[in-house]
Amino acid sequence: MDEKSRHALMYLFHLTDQIASVDRDNRREFWITAKRGSIEDFRPYYDEEATEQELAEAMQEQYPKEEYWYKFVSVQHTNCRKEEFFCVLLNGKAVLSLNDPCEDKNQFNAIELIDWLIQMASGVLDKLRAGTYNTEIQEKLPDDYKYGVISRKDYWDIYPEDRADYRGAFKDWQIEEFLRCKDELLADYIPENCQQRMTARDFYEACAVCYKAVRMEQRVHFPFKDSKEEHLWYNGTTPKELYYMFADGRDDGLSGVPLDDAAAFAEWRNQKEPYYEFNGHHPWEILPSGSVEYSMHLQVMKSSNGFYYGLSGSTLHRSKDTIHSYLAMRKAGLPVKIYDGLKMAARFEETDVIGIVPQGRSTSYVDRIMQYEITDAVHLSDDEKSEQVAAKTIWQPEIECKLL
């Protein structure tokens, strides 16, 4: 940003420095609001030639509320280049920064935004001195800007179609069988039927059990073709081919490990040559997704009893595949441990809670933000049932803002 903007930003930090920090990196946070502008304010951002009716309709669609709330956060710390790093975030998105190693070095003018933030910060300081800020936030902050939790039973009673969608992915006997496995869902559980040796073939065949359980549709084109002998052995597509059809593909050289050589597989698993070759370190991601959080993993584990498979993938929709795979592996007699199994059981029993996350905020990793153990998270829906959800929600208190 240009020099004028930099000076203004430093003055903004001078103001926020009067507020007590709430976390590391000298983090200060408070709420500010902005009124929706007029139709003419909106025109330059839409279409200069649009009629007033077209503008009004477009504005109502994009900005349906008359007032918007923004969580202002300022952070300051010494960066990797030993420079003082300054950053301002609004509703979790960085909008201004100084000495960011990744910042665009082009000069730009941000004075209008910074001046508005200075005005808002000054107003917050006035309310803090008067002792009215925290009470006002507690009384006026809309529900869809808050974090909270609601029991799954209450939420699914309000949205029974969500219950039907999840449970409909299973037969009743599969749910009952999974819940009967509770002793095997404990965090310290180790399968009794561990294998004394493990080969690449064993791993591929375990993956094939999972792919069959979730009914993956075979692909015509994929990056690996097995030998004629292997095709004859399996009477068609081989487990190794299935793995390279559906897994992440960054296998760290697994494809070169001899199928039936337990010593070679052990060396590869211990990241030793000649077979190990780093190319992304995702060999266990057997059902990938856009984010690892939503993938399914099958990892070869070792205990004092021998080798077993660690199966993971507990997010709402991925857990359908994970549970089907788990039941199929148990039926096949494979030594398998499922991670977060008790959380998945709690979904069926509806004894857990669902996180309510502010609009515009990610529902991922929300358990790191909230004070509860959360399996799933949703936004407060913009429908006629949102008030029912809000009434059943336990809202997380806002962090009290204090003067230094």
Protein backbone atom coordinates (compact mmCIF):
# COMPACT_ATOMS: atom_id res chain seq x y z
CA MET A 1 0.00 0.00 0.00
CA ASP A 2 1.07 3.61 -0.43
CA GLU A 3 2.73 5.70 2.27
CA LYS A 4 -0.44 7.55 3.27
CA SER A 5 -2.26 4.27 3.78
CA ARG A 6 0.64 2.85 5.80
CA HIS A 7 0.59 5.84 8.16
CA ALA A 8 -3.18 5.52 8.56
CA LEU A 9 -2.88 1.80 9.28
CA MET A 10 -0.28 2.50 11.97
CA TYR A 11 -2.68 4.96 13.58
CA LEU A 12 -5.40 2.28 13.50
CA PHE A 13 -3.04 -0.04 15.38
CA HIS A 14 -2.28 2.80 17.82
CA LEU A 15 -6.00 2.82 18.60
CA THR A 16 -6.39 -0.94 18.90
CA ASP A 17 -3.32 -1.09 21.16
CA GLN A 18 -5.51 0.51 23.82
CA ILE A 19 -7.56 -2.71 23.96
CA ALA A 20 -6.39 -5.73 25.94
CA SER A 21 -5.16 -8.61 23.78
CA VAL A 22 -7.13 -11.85 23.90
CA ASP A 23 -4.65 -14.33 22.49
CA ARG A 24 -1.15 -14.69 21.08
CA ASP A 25 0.17 -12.33 18.38
CA ASN A 26 -1.22 -9.31 20.26
CA ARG A 27 -4.67 -10.20 18.97
CA ARG A 28 -7.40 -7.63 19.54
CA GLU A 29 -10.96 -8.22 18.45
CA PHE A 30 -14.30 -6.43 18.54
CA TRP A 31 -17.49 -6.11 16.54
CA ILE A 32 -18.35 -3.28 14.17
CA THR A 33 -21.38 -2.75 11.94
CA ALA A 34 -22.08 -1.25 8.52
CA LYS A 35 -25.41 -0.09 7.15
CA ARG A 36 -26.42 -1.22 3.70
CA GLY A 37 -25.91 1.63 1.25
CA SER A 38 -28.36 3.14 -1.19
CA ILE A 39 -29.16 1.86 -4.66
CA GLU A 40 -26.94 4.55 -6.16
CA ASP A 41 -24.08 3.45 -3.89
CA PHE A 42 -24.51 0.00 -5.37
CA ARG A 43 -24.65 1.08 -9.02
CA PRO A 44 -20.86 1.37 -9.70
CA TYR A 45 -20.40 -2.19 -8.44
CA TYR A 46 -23.16 -3.64 -10.62
CA ASP A 47 -24.08 -1.95 -13.88
CA GLU A 48 -24.08 1.79 -14.63
CA GLU A 49 -26.81 1.26 -17.26
CA ALA A 50 -29.17 -0.80 -15.06
CA THR A 51 -32.62 0.52 -14.19
CA GLU A 52 -33.48 1.31 -10.59
CA GLN A 53 -35.69 -1.80 -10.43
CA GLU A 54 -32.87 -4.01 -11.72
CA LEU A 55 -30.48 -2.45 -9.23
CA ALA A 56 -32.93 -2.86 -6.37
CA GLU A 57 -33.51 -6.53 -7.18
CA ALA A 58 -29.79 -7.25 -7.54
CA MET A 59 -28.96 -5.37 -4.36
CA GLN A 60 -31.65 -7.19 -2.42
CA GLU A 61 -30.29 -10.52 -3.63
CA GLN A 62 -26.68 -9.74 -2.76
CA TYR A 63 -27.32 -7.67 0.38
CA PRO A 64 -30.66 -8.75 1.86
CA LYS A 65 -29.97 -7.24 5.31
CA GLU A 66 -30.10 -3.58 6.23
CA GLU A 67 -27.13 -3.93 8.58
CA TYR A 68 -24.05 -6.16 8.51
CA TRP A 69 -21.75 -7.11 11.34
CA TYR A 70 -18.00 -7.62 11.06
CA LYS A 71 -15.64 -9.16 13.61
CA PHE A 72 -12.59 -6.89 13.51
CA VAL A 73 -9.33 -8.62 14.43
CA SER A 74 -5.89 -7.05 14.51
CA VAL A 75 -2.71 -9.08 15.00
CA GLN A 76 0.92 -8.03 15.32
CA HIS A 77 4.06 -10.14 15.63
CA THR A 78 7.63 -10.49 14.35
CA ASN A 79 7.62 -12.40 11.06
CA CYS A 80 10.16 -14.84 9.60
CA ARG A 81 12.22 -11.93 8.24
CA LYS A 82 12.45 -10.35 11.70
CA GLU A 83 10.09 -7.55 10.64
CA GLU A 84 7.03 -6.37 12.52
CA PHE A 85 4.03 -7.90 10.80
CA PHE A 86 0.65 -6.17 11.05
CA CYS A 87 -2.65 -7.60 9.80
CA VAL A 88 -6.33 -6.69 9.97
CA LEU A 89 -9.04 -9.30 9.41
CA LEU A 90 -12.76 -8.82 8.95
CA ASN A 91 -14.89 -11.90 9.62
CA GLY A 92 -11.82 -14.09 9.35
CA LYS A 93 -10.53 -12.69 6.05
CA ALA A 94 -7.30 -10.70 5.88
CA VAL A 95 -8.02 -7.30 4.29
CA LEU A 96 -4.95 -5.22 5.25
CA SER A 97 -1.36 -6.12 6.09
CA LEU A 98 2.14 -4.75 6.36
CA ASN A 99 5.39 -6.74 6.00
CA ASP A 100 3.64 -9.87 4.82
CA PRO A 101 6.26 -12.02 3.00
CA CYS A 102 3.58 -12.95 0.46
CA GLU A 103 2.10 -9.49 -0.06
CA ASP A 104 1.77 -7.76 -3.41
CA LYS A 105 4.48 -5.08 -3.55
CA ASN A 106 2.39 -2.84 -5.82
CA GLN A 107 1.43 0.49 -4.30
CA PHE A 108 -2.31 0.95 -3.71
CA ASN A 109 -4.49 3.36 -1.82
CA ALA A 110 -6.54 1.86 1.02
CA ILE A 111 -7.18 5.09 2.86
CA GLU A 112 -10.98 5.00 2.50
CA LEU A 113 -11.24 1.59 4.17
CA ILE A 114 -8.67 2.42 6.85
CA ASP A 115 -10.33 5.75 7.69
CA TRP A 116 -13.64 3.94 8.13
CA LEU A 117 -12.01 1.37 10.39
CA ILE A 118 -10.41 4.16 12.42
CA GLN A 119 -13.86 5.73 12.84
CA MET A 120 -15.34 2.37 13.92
CA ALA A 121 -12.45 1.61 16.32
CA SER A 122 -12.77 5.05 17.89
CA GLY A 123 -16.48 4.39 18.46
CA VAL A 124 -15.71 1.07 20.13
CA LEU A 125 -13.17 2.76 22.42
CA ASP A 126 -15.79 5.35 23.41
CA LYS A 127 -18.27 2.57 24.28
CA LEU A 128 -15.63 0.68 26.26
CA ARG A 129 -14.83 3.80 28.29
CA ALA A 130 -18.56 4.28 28.90
CA GLY A 131 -18.95 0.63 29.88
CA THR A 132 -21.66 -0.07 27.27
CA TYR A 133 -19.86 -2.03 24.53
CA ASN A 134 -20.07 -5.59 25.90
CA THR A 135 -23.70 -5.24 27.00
CA GLU A 136 -24.63 -3.90 23.57
CA ILE A 137 -22.95 -6.82 21.80
CA GLN A 138 -24.62 -9.33 24.09
CA GLU A 139 -28.05 -7.84 23.40
CA LYS A 140 -27.78 -6.98 19.70
CA LEU A 141 -25.41 -9.43 17.96
CA PRO A 142 -27.60 -11.48 15.57
CA ASP A 143 -27.64 -15.23 15.99
CA ASP A 144 -26.18 -15.90 12.55
CA TYR A 145 -22.92 -14.23 13.64
CA LYS A 146 -22.47 -16.48 16.68
CA TYR A 147 -20.93 -19.85 17.44
CA GLY A 148 -23.08 -22.34 19.31
CA VAL A 149 -24.08 -25.97 19.71
CA ILE A 150 -27.36 -27.84 19.44
CA SER A 151 -28.03 -31.47 20.29
CA ARG A 152 -28.19 -33.65 17.20
CA LYS A 153 -31.58 -34.99 18.28
CA ASP A 154 -33.02 -31.48 18.48
CA TYR A 155 -31.49 -30.52 15.14
CA TRP A 156 -32.66 -33.66 13.37
CA ASP A 157 -36.13 -33.26 14.91
CA ILE A 158 -36.26 -29.84 13.26
CA TYR A 159 -34.77 -31.16 10.00
CA PRO A 160 -35.90 -34.82 9.89
CA GLU A 161 -34.83 -35.03 6.26
CA ASP A 162 -31.19 -34.82 7.44
CA ARG A 163 -31.75 -37.79 9.76
CA ALA A 164 -33.39 -39.74 6.94
CA ASP A 165 -30.54 -38.91 4.55
CA TYR A 166 -27.84 -40.14 6.91
CA ARG A 167 -29.53 -43.23 8.27
CA GLY A 168 -30.85 -44.05 4.80
CA ALA A 169 -27.30 -44.82 3.69
CA PHE A 170 -27.40 -47.96 5.87
CA LYS A 171 -29.58 -50.97 6.43
CA ASP A 172 -30.99 -51.25 9.95
CA TRP A 173 -28.86 -54.34 10.61
CA GLN A 174 -25.70 -52.44 9.64
CA ILE A 175 -26.44 -49.71 12.17
CA GLU A 176 -27.17 -52.32 14.83
CA GLU A 177 -24.00 -54.24 14.03
CA PHE A 178 -21.87 -51.10 14.17
CA LEU A 179 -23.32 -50.13 17.55
CA ARG A 180 -22.62 -53.64 18.87
CA CYS A 181 -18.92 -53.01 18.18
CA LYS A 182 -18.60 -50.30 20.83
CA ASP A 183 -15.84 -52.11 22.71
CA GLU A 184 -13.83 -52.04 19.49
CA LEU A 185 -14.42 -48.32 18.98
CA LEU A 186 -12.41 -47.25 22.03
CA ALA A 187 -9.30 -45.16 21.39
CA ASP A 188 -6.94 -47.73 22.93
CA TYR A 189 -8.42 -50.75 21.14
CA ILE A 190 -5.99 -53.00 19.24
CA PRO A 191 -7.43 -55.85 17.13
CA GLU A 192 -6.84 -59.33 18.54
CA ASN A 193 -6.30 -60.83 15.08
CA CYS A 194 -3.24 -58.79 14.08
CA GLN A 195 -1.18 -60.17 11.20
CA GLN A 196 2.40 -61.28 11.84
CA ARG A 197 3.53 -60.18 8.39
CA MET A 198 2.23 -57.57 5.98
CA THR A 199 2.82 -57.23 2.25
CA ALA A 200 1.83 -54.74 -0.41
CA ARG A 201 -0.62 -57.34 -1.73
CA ASP A 202 -2.27 -57.52 1.70
CA PHE A 203 -2.69 -53.76 1.71
CA TYR A 204 -4.11 -53.60 -1.82
CA GLU A 205 -6.53 -56.42 -1.06
CA ALA A 206 -7.73 -54.61 2.07
CA CYS A 207 -8.31 -51.50 -0.04
CA ALA A 208 -10.29 -53.60 -2.52
CA VAL A 209 -12.59 -54.75 0.29
CA CYS A 210 -13.32 -51.08 1.03
CA TYR A 211 -13.88 -50.14 -2.61
CA LYS A 212 -16.32 -53.02 -3.02
CA ALA A 213 -18.14 -52.03 0.18
CA VAL A 214 -18.75 -48.49 -1.04
CA ARG A 215 -19.52 -49.69 -4.58
CA MET A 216 -16.95 -47.62 -6.40
CA GLU A 217 -17.59 -47.63 -10.14
CA GLN A 218 -14.53 -48.86 -12.02
CA ARG A 219 -12.82 -46.46 -14.40
CA VAL A 220 -11.74 -47.30 -17.91
CA HIS A 221 -8.62 -45.12 -17.83
CA PHE A 222 -6.28 -45.15 -14.85
CA PRO A 223 -2.50 -44.75 -14.40
CA PHE A 224 -1.59 -48.37 -13.64
CA LYS A 225 -2.07 -51.65 -15.53
CA ASP A 226 -1.21 -54.92 -13.82
CA SER A 227 0.38 -57.98 -15.42
CA LYS A 228 -1.48 -60.69 -17.30
CA GLU A 229 -0.60 -63.14 -14.53
CA GLU A 230 -2.21 -60.91 -11.90
CA HIS A 231 -5.33 -60.52 -14.06
CA LEU A 232 -5.59 -64.28 -14.27
CA TRP A 233 -5.03 -64.61 -10.51
CA TYR A 234 -7.91 -62.24 -9.73
CA ASN A 235 -10.01 -63.14 -12.76
CA GLY A 236 -10.15 -59.51 -13.86
CA THR A 237 -9.29 -56.14 -12.38
CA THR A 238 -6.70 -56.51 -9.61
CA PRO A 239 -6.75 -54.89 -6.14
CA LYS A 240 -3.63 -52.93 -7.08
CA GLU A 241 -5.38 -51.54 -10.14
CA LEU A 242 -8.35 -50.56 -7.99
CA TYR A 243 -6.03 -48.69 -5.65
CA TYR A 244 -4.58 -46.68 -8.52
CA MET A 245 -8.06 -46.03 -9.88
CA PHE A 246 -9.37 -44.46 -6.70
CA ALA A 247 -6.58 -43.53 -4.24
CA ASP A 248 -4.85 -40.16 -4.07
CA GLY A 249 -1.92 -41.42 -6.14
CA ARG A 250 0.91 -39.77 -4.22
CA ASP A 251 2.10 -43.18 -3.09
CA ASP A 252 5.78 -42.51 -2.25
CA GLY A 253 6.92 -45.34 -4.49
CA LEU A 254 4.50 -47.99 -3.22
CA SER A 255 3.77 -49.11 -6.79
CA GLY A 256 7.33 -50.47 -7.09
CA VAL A 257 7.24 -52.64 -3.95
CA PRO A 258 7.13 -56.37 -4.80
CA LEU A 259 3.63 -57.63 -4.01
CA ASP A 260 4.55 -60.58 -1.80
CA ASP A 261 7.78 -59.39 -0.19
CA ALA A 262 7.05 -58.54 3.45
CA ALA A 263 10.62 -57.29 4.05
CA ALA A 264 10.43 -54.94 1.07
CA PHE A 265 7.07 -53.58 2.24
CA ALA A 266 8.51 -53.03 5.74
CA GLU A 267 11.48 -51.11 4.29
CA TRP A 268 9.14 -48.97 2.18
CA ARG A 269 6.87 -48.35 5.17
CA ASN A 270 9.92 -47.21 7.15
CA GLN A 271 10.78 -44.81 4.32
CA LYS A 272 13.91 -46.69 3.31
CA GLU A 273 15.31 -47.31 -0.14
CA PRO A 274 15.30 -48.87 -2.64
CA TYR A 275 11.51 -48.61 -2.99
CA TYR A 276 10.61 -45.54 -0.96
CA GLU A 277 10.54 -42.36 -3.06
CA PHE A 278 8.77 -39.29 -1.69
CA ASN A 279 6.15 -37.87 -4.05
CA GLY A 280 3.58 -36.28 -1.78
CA HIS A 281 3.25 -38.64 1.19
CA HIS A 282 -0.40 -39.66 0.74
CA PRO A 283 -0.19 -43.44 0.23
CA TRP A 284 -2.88 -44.15 2.84
CA GLU A 285 -5.45 -41.74 1.37
CA ILE A 286 -7.50 -44.38 -0.42
CA LEU A 287 -10.57 -42.17 -1.05
CA PRO A 288 -9.38 -38.60 -1.59
CA SER A 289 -11.32 -35.34 -1.60
CA GLY A 290 -10.68 -31.64 -2.02
CA SER A 291 -9.54 -31.50 1.63
CA VAL A 292 -7.80 -34.25 3.59
CA GLU A 293 -10.39 -33.71 6.33
CA TYR A 294 -13.03 -35.24 4.04
CA SER A 295 -10.90 -38.14 2.75
CA MET A 296 -10.87 -41.75 3.88
CA HIS A 297 -7.54 -43.24 4.96
CA LEU A 298 -6.48 -46.83 5.44
CA GLN A 299 -3.07 -47.04 7.10
CA VAL A 300 -0.98 -50.07 7.95
CA MET A 301 -0.24 -49.89 11.69
CA LYS A 302 2.03 -51.99 13.88
CA SER A 303 1.70 -52.96 17.53
CA SER A 304 3.35 -55.49 19.79
CA ASN A 305 0.72 -57.97 18.60
CA GLY A 306 1.50 -57.46 14.90
CA PHE A 307 0.10 -55.50 11.98
CA TYR A 308 -3.41 -54.10 11.63
CA TYR A 309 -5.28 -51.51 9.55
CA GLY A 310 -6.21 -48.08 10.87
CA LEU A 311 -9.34 -46.78 9.12
CA SER A 312 -10.33 -43.12 9.40
CA GLY A 313 -12.78 -40.68 7.85
CA SER A 314 -15.36 -39.42 10.34
CA THR A 315 -16.88 -36.33 8.69
CA LEU A 316 -20.61 -36.55 8.10
CA HIS A 317 -20.82 -37.76 4.51
CA ARG A 318 -17.45 -39.53 4.37
CA SER A 319 -18.35 -41.54 7.46
CA LYS A 320 -20.93 -43.40 5.39
CA ASP A 321 -18.09 -44.87 3.33
CA THR A 322 -15.93 -45.40 6.41
CA ILE A 323 -18.57 -47.36 8.30
CA HIS A 324 -19.44 -49.51 5.28
CA SER A 325 -15.73 -50.22 4.80
CA TYR A 326 -15.25 -51.04 8.47
CA LEU A 327 -18.10 -53.53 8.54
CA ALA A 328 -16.85 -55.16 5.33
CA MET A 329 -13.30 -55.47 6.66
CA ARG A 330 -14.54 -57.06 9.89
CA LYS A 331 -16.65 -59.49 7.88
CA ALA A 332 -13.58 -60.38 5.79
CA GLY A 333 -11.69 -61.18 9.00
CA LEU A 334 -9.18 -58.36 8.60
CA PRO A 335 -7.60 -56.76 11.70
CA VAL A 336 -9.06 -53.25 11.62
CA LYS A 337 -9.33 -50.35 14.01
CA ILE A 338 -11.66 -47.45 13.19
CA TYR A 339 -10.73 -44.01 14.48
CA ASP A 340 -13.38 -41.68 15.95
CA GLY A 341 -15.73 -44.66 15.98
CA LEU A 342 -17.48 -43.51 19.15
CA LYS A 343 -18.22 -40.18 17.48
CA MET A 344 -19.77 -42.02 14.55
CA ALA A 345 -21.79 -44.20 16.92
CA ALA A 346 -23.03 -41.06 18.67
CA ARG A 347 -24.48 -39.89 15.34
CA PHE A 348 -26.67 -42.96 15.17
CA GLU A 349 -27.64 -42.66 18.84
CA GLU A 350 -28.09 -38.86 18.51
CA THR A 351 -26.20 -38.24 21.73
CA ASP A 352 -23.68 -35.73 20.31
CA VAL A 353 -23.93 -32.05 19.44
CA ILE A 354 -23.78 -30.16 16.16
CA GLY A 355 -21.86 -26.89 15.94
CA ILE A 356 -23.60 -23.77 14.66
CA VAL A 357 -21.11 -21.61 12.77
CA PRO A 358 -21.50 -17.96 11.66
CA GLN A 359 -22.40 -17.32 8.05
CA GLY A 360 -19.29 -16.99 5.90
CA ARG A 361 -17.11 -18.96 8.31
CA SER A 362 -15.80 -22.42 7.51
CA THR A 363 -17.42 -25.41 9.19
CA SER A 364 -14.07 -27.26 9.11
CA TYR A 365 -12.02 -27.77 12.28
CA VAL A 366 -14.58 -25.80 14.26
CA ASP A 367 -13.85 -27.90 17.36
CA ARG A 368 -10.62 -25.90 17.65
CA ILE A 369 -12.63 -22.71 18.06
CA MET A 370 -15.47 -23.85 20.28
CA GLN A 371 -15.57 -25.17 23.83
CA TYR A 372 -17.28 -28.43 22.92
CA GLU A 373 -16.32 -31.70 21.24
CA ILE A 374 -18.08 -31.34 17.91
CA THR A 375 -18.49 -33.97 15.22
CA ASP A 376 -20.36 -31.89 12.62
CA ALA A 377 -21.03 -28.23 12.08
CA VAL A 378 -23.58 -26.27 10.04
CA HIS A 379 -24.59 -22.70 9.38
CA LEU A 380 -27.81 -21.29 10.75
CA SER A 381 -30.01 -21.87 7.72
CA ASP A 382 -31.74 -18.91 6.13
CA ASP A 383 -35.18 -20.50 6.27
CA GLU A 384 -38.34 -20.56 8.33
CA LYS A 385 -36.85 -23.08 10.77
CA SER A 386 -33.82 -21.01 11.78
CA GLU A 387 -35.65 -19.54 14.77
CA GLN A 388 -36.44 -23.07 16.01
CA VAL A 389 -32.75 -23.97 15.75
CA ALA A 390 -31.66 -20.76 17.48
CA ALA A 391 -34.09 -21.41 20.34
CA LYS A 392 -32.52 -24.83 20.97
CA THR A 393 -28.91 -23.66 20.57
CA ILE A 394 -26.49 -23.04 23.42
CA TRP A 395 -24.59 -19.98 22.24
CA GLN A 396 -20.90 -19.56 22.97
CA PRO A 397 -20.35 -16.33 24.93
CA GLU A 398 -18.48 -13.59 23.14
CA ILE A 399 -15.02 -12.83 24.46
CA GLU A 400 -15.29 -9.79 26.69
CA CYS A 401 -13.58 -6.77 25.20
CA LYS A 402 -11.60 -4.71 27.73
CA LEU A 403 -9.47 -1.62 27.74
CA LEU A 404 -5.79 -2.25 28.40
